[in-house]
Amino acid sequence: MIRVVVADDHPIVRGGLETIVRAQKDMQLVASAADGAALVDLLSSRPCDVLVVDLSLPHLSGMELIRGVAEWHPDLPMVVFTMQPEDALALHVVRSGASAYLCKDRSSDELLQAIRHVAKGKVFLTDRLQALADAEVVEVSAKADVAPHERLSARQAQVFRLVLEGRTVNDIAATLEMAGSTTSNHIAEIRRRLGVETTGEVVLYGHRMGLLG
């Protein structure tokens, strides 16, 4: 059973999300919040598996909210469900700790798919965000004929090196002083950029490139 908390300041939207979650046999609505401060208090006392949250909440919102939740609850996947478009800023939100980002013009089926996906510890990218992420990789690739791991950002390169050392997500998070969910997002992005599916394949990639030892 996926335990879900919903946070949105619009009563009609919040009520609709509550109804959608309650209608799923594999989900349980734990609670809901109308503002950022109430959400922070709620998460401290009501454990859940997935948070569905709007970016524009009273009292605490936007990147401050995303980074705060990622820091205080590093293992809690966040599905950002907002009116803001799926663009480069949305990719930044995902890289800052969210596990998924959907504009409110998306269907309820896509939202439910995202909830189920992130509940498994995965990052969910819509077709729009995937295209933007792919375009970034193409742009970087066009600048220089380099190996995929050489196109990683400085932070991703740090995480990549620790993965090659066999370190766990928690170890990496502690070493680099960042949230566990942020670490997981970095690893997911590293896998995507290297063109592999699993963390084990990241290590195999390192072996093939002579990066181990």
Protein backbone atom coordinates (compact mmCIF):
# COMPACT_ATOMS: atom_id res chain seq x y z
CA MET A 1 0.00 0.00 0.00
CA ILE A 2 1.40 3.40 -1.02
CA ARG A 3 0.78 5.98 1.70
CA VAL A 4 0.25 9.42 0.15
CA VAL A 5 0.21 12.95 1.55
CA VAL A 6 -1.28 15.72 -0.62
CA ALA A 7 -0.39 19.43 -0.31
CA ASP A 8 -2.21 22.12 -2.31
CA ASP A 9 -3.64 25.46 -1.24
CA HIS A 10 -6.65 25.32 -3.60
CA PRO A 11 -9.49 23.41 -1.87
CA ILE A 12 -11.00 22.13 -5.13
CA VAL A 13 -7.64 20.84 -6.44
CA ARG A 14 -6.74 19.37 -3.07
CA GLY A 15 -10.13 17.68 -2.81
CA GLY A 16 -9.76 16.28 -6.31
CA LEU A 17 -6.34 14.84 -5.50
CA GLU A 18 -7.70 13.28 -2.32
CA THR A 19 -10.54 11.66 -4.27
CA ILE A 20 -8.17 10.30 -6.93
CA VAL A 21 -5.84 8.78 -4.34
CA ARG A 22 -8.67 7.28 -2.28
CA ALA A 23 -10.06 5.58 -5.39
CA GLN A 24 -6.86 3.53 -5.90
CA LYS A 25 -6.72 0.05 -4.38
CA ASP A 26 -2.95 0.27 -3.90
CA MET A 27 -2.93 3.73 -2.27
CA GLN A 28 -3.93 5.21 1.06
CA LEU A 29 -4.49 8.92 1.65
CA VAL A 30 -2.65 9.63 4.91
CA ALA A 31 -3.42 13.35 5.19
CA SER A 32 -3.48 16.63 3.29
CA ALA A 33 -2.17 20.15 3.89
CA ALA A 34 -3.11 23.60 2.60
CA ASP A 35 0.18 25.43 3.22
CA GLY A 36 3.89 24.80 3.58
CA ALA A 37 4.11 25.28 7.33
CA ALA A 38 1.26 22.84 7.96
CA LEU A 39 2.92 20.37 5.60
CA VAL A 40 6.21 20.47 7.51
CA ASP A 41 4.38 19.82 10.80
CA LEU A 42 2.34 17.05 9.18
CA LEU A 43 5.33 15.19 7.79
CA SER A 44 6.96 15.11 11.21
CA SER A 45 4.06 13.12 12.66
CA ARG A 46 2.40 11.28 9.75
CA PRO A 47 4.74 8.87 7.91
CA CYS A 48 4.07 8.44 4.21
CA ASP A 49 5.62 6.89 1.10
CA VAL A 50 4.96 9.67 -1.45
CA LEU A 51 4.29 13.40 -1.18
CA VAL A 52 2.24 15.10 -3.92
CA VAL A 53 2.93 18.82 -3.55
CA ASP A 54 2.24 22.10 -5.33
CA LEU A 55 5.18 24.49 -5.75
CA SER A 56 3.10 27.55 -4.79
CA LEU A 57 2.06 27.03 -1.18
CA PRO A 58 1.54 29.81 1.38
CA HIS A 59 4.18 30.29 4.12
CA LEU A 60 6.75 27.92 2.56
CA SER A 61 6.93 27.24 -1.15
CA GLY A 62 9.06 26.79 -4.24
CA MET A 63 12.66 25.67 -4.03
CA GLU A 64 12.79 26.42 -0.31
CA LEU A 65 10.08 23.84 0.26
CA ILE A 66 11.62 21.26 -2.09
CA ARG A 67 15.07 21.56 -0.55
CA GLY A 68 13.65 21.59 2.96
CA VAL A 69 11.65 18.40 2.49
CA ALA A 70 14.62 16.75 0.75
CA GLU A 71 16.82 17.65 3.72
CA TRP A 72 14.38 16.80 6.54
CA HIS A 73 12.93 13.69 4.89
CA PRO A 74 15.66 12.47 2.49
CA ASP A 75 13.94 9.16 1.72
CA LEU A 76 10.55 10.69 0.89
CA PRO A 77 9.81 10.86 -2.86
CA MET A 78 8.16 14.11 -3.94
CA VAL A 79 5.83 14.45 -6.92
CA VAL A 80 5.59 18.14 -7.75
CA PHE A 81 2.14 18.84 -9.26
CA THR A 82 1.89 22.48 -10.25
CA MET A 83 0.64 25.07 -12.74
CA GLN A 84 4.22 25.99 -13.62
CA PRO A 85 5.29 24.64 -17.05
CA GLU A 86 7.56 21.65 -17.56
CA ASP A 87 10.71 23.46 -18.65
CA ALA A 88 14.34 23.92 -17.69
CA LEU A 89 13.28 25.14 -14.24
CA ALA A 90 11.34 21.91 -13.77
CA LEU A 91 14.50 19.92 -14.46
CA HIS A 92 16.24 22.02 -11.81
CA VAL A 93 13.47 21.17 -9.35
CA VAL A 94 13.96 17.45 -10.00
CA ARG A 95 17.72 17.76 -9.60
CA SER A 96 17.17 19.61 -6.32
CA GLY A 97 15.31 16.75 -4.71
CA ALA A 98 11.93 16.14 -6.33
CA SER A 99 11.34 12.70 -7.85
CA ALA A 100 8.81 13.86 -10.44
CA TYR A 101 7.42 17.10 -11.88
CA LEU A 102 4.06 17.34 -13.63
CA CYS A 103 2.11 20.34 -14.84
CA LYS A 104 -1.56 20.33 -13.79
CA ASP A 105 -2.67 19.96 -17.40
CA ARG A 106 -1.47 16.34 -17.22
CA SER A 107 -4.04 13.57 -16.81
CA SER A 108 -4.84 11.82 -13.54
CA ASP A 109 -3.51 8.59 -15.09
CA GLU A 110 -0.09 10.22 -15.57
CA LEU A 111 -0.14 11.51 -12.01
CA LEU A 112 -0.94 8.05 -10.66
CA GLN A 113 1.78 6.56 -12.85
CA ALA A 114 4.26 9.05 -11.38
CA ILE A 115 3.20 8.23 -7.80
CA ARG A 116 3.63 4.50 -8.37
CA HIS A 117 6.95 5.05 -10.14
CA VAL A 118 8.57 7.20 -7.45
CA ALA A 119 7.23 4.93 -4.69
CA LYS A 120 9.67 2.35 -6.05
CA GLY A 121 12.57 4.76 -5.53
CA LYS A 122 12.74 5.86 -9.17
CA VAL A 123 12.75 9.27 -10.83
CA PHE A 124 9.78 9.94 -13.13
CA LEU A 125 10.24 12.27 -16.11
CA THR A 126 7.36 13.24 -18.38
CA ASP A 127 7.92 13.03 -22.12
CA ARG A 128 8.46 16.80 -22.17
CA LEU A 129 11.12 16.77 -19.45
CA GLN A 130 12.83 13.73 -20.94
CA ALA A 131 13.10 15.59 -24.25
CA LEU A 132 14.59 18.62 -22.49
CA ALA A 133 17.07 16.43 -20.61
CA ASP A 134 18.06 14.65 -23.83
CA ALA A 135 18.52 18.01 -25.57
CA GLU A 136 20.92 19.06 -22.81
CA VAL A 137 23.00 15.93 -23.38
CA VAL A 138 23.05 16.48 -27.16
CA GLU A 139 24.11 20.09 -26.66
CA VAL A 140 26.97 19.09 -24.38
CA SER A 141 28.00 16.27 -26.72
CA ALA A 142 28.18 18.67 -29.63
CA LYS A 143 30.71 20.82 -27.80
CA ALA A 144 33.39 18.15 -27.57
CA ASP A 145 34.00 14.58 -28.59
CA VAL A 146 34.40 13.19 -25.08
CA ALA A 147 33.35 10.06 -23.20
CA PRO A 148 29.92 10.14 -21.50
CA HIS A 149 31.37 10.27 -17.97
CA GLU A 150 33.42 13.33 -18.92
CA ARG A 151 30.17 15.20 -19.59
CA LEU A 152 28.96 14.83 -16.02
CA SER A 153 28.64 17.92 -13.86
CA ALA A 154 31.14 18.41 -11.04
CA ARG A 155 28.65 17.10 -8.47
CA GLN A 156 27.66 14.15 -10.65
CA ALA A 157 31.35 13.31 -11.13
CA GLN A 158 31.79 13.18 -7.33
CA VAL A 159 28.83 10.84 -6.97
CA PHE A 160 30.04 8.75 -9.93
CA ARG A 161 33.46 8.23 -8.35
CA LEU A 162 31.90 7.09 -5.07
CA VAL A 163 29.56 4.70 -6.90
CA LEU A 164 32.64 3.17 -8.55
CA GLU A 165 34.08 2.68 -5.07
CA GLY A 166 31.05 0.57 -4.18
CA ARG A 167 29.60 3.10 -1.74
CA THR A 168 25.89 2.96 -0.85
CA VAL A 169 23.44 5.82 -1.35
CA ASN A 170 23.53 6.63 2.36
CA ASP A 171 27.34 6.59 2.41
CA ILE A 172 27.50 8.91 -0.59
CA ALA A 173 24.92 11.25 0.91
CA ALA A 174 26.85 11.44 4.19
CA THR A 175 30.20 11.95 2.47
CA LEU A 176 28.93 14.73 0.21
CA GLU A 177 26.60 16.16 2.88
CA MET A 178 23.41 16.05 0.84
CA ALA A 179 20.00 14.44 1.12
CA GLY A 180 19.55 10.78 0.26
CA SER A 181 16.85 11.60 -2.30
CA THR A 182 19.16 14.10 -3.99
CA THR A 183 21.87 11.44 -4.13
CA SER A 184 19.45 8.98 -5.69
CA ASN A 185 18.44 11.59 -8.26
CA HIS A 186 22.09 12.20 -9.14
CA ILE A 187 22.67 8.46 -9.58
CA ALA A 188 19.58 8.17 -11.79
CA GLU A 189 20.85 11.05 -13.93
CA ILE A 190 24.32 9.47 -14.12
CA ARG A 191 22.79 6.19 -15.33
CA ARG A 192 20.80 8.05 -17.96
CA ARG A 193 23.81 10.01 -19.19
CA LEU A 194 25.96 6.88 -19.37
CA GLY A 195 23.19 5.03 -21.21
CA VAL A 196 22.82 2.25 -18.63
CA GLU A 197 19.87 0.93 -16.63
CA THR A 198 21.32 -0.13 -13.27
CA THR A 199 23.96 1.02 -10.79
CA GLY A 200 25.79 -2.27 -11.42
CA GLU A 201 26.10 -1.29 -15.07
CA VAL A 202 27.61 2.02 -13.96
CA VAL A 203 30.38 0.03 -12.29
CA LEU A 204 30.81 -2.12 -15.41
CA TYR A 205 31.08 1.08 -17.45
CA GLY A 206 33.83 2.26 -15.11
CA HIS A 207 35.65 -1.04 -15.55
CA ARG A 208 35.45 -0.82 -19.35
CA MET A 209 36.79 2.74 -19.26
CA GLY A 210 39.67 1.78 -16.97
CA LEU A 211 38.39 3.94 -14.12
CA LEU A 212 38.56 1.29 -11.38
CA GLY A 213 41.48 0.47 -9.15
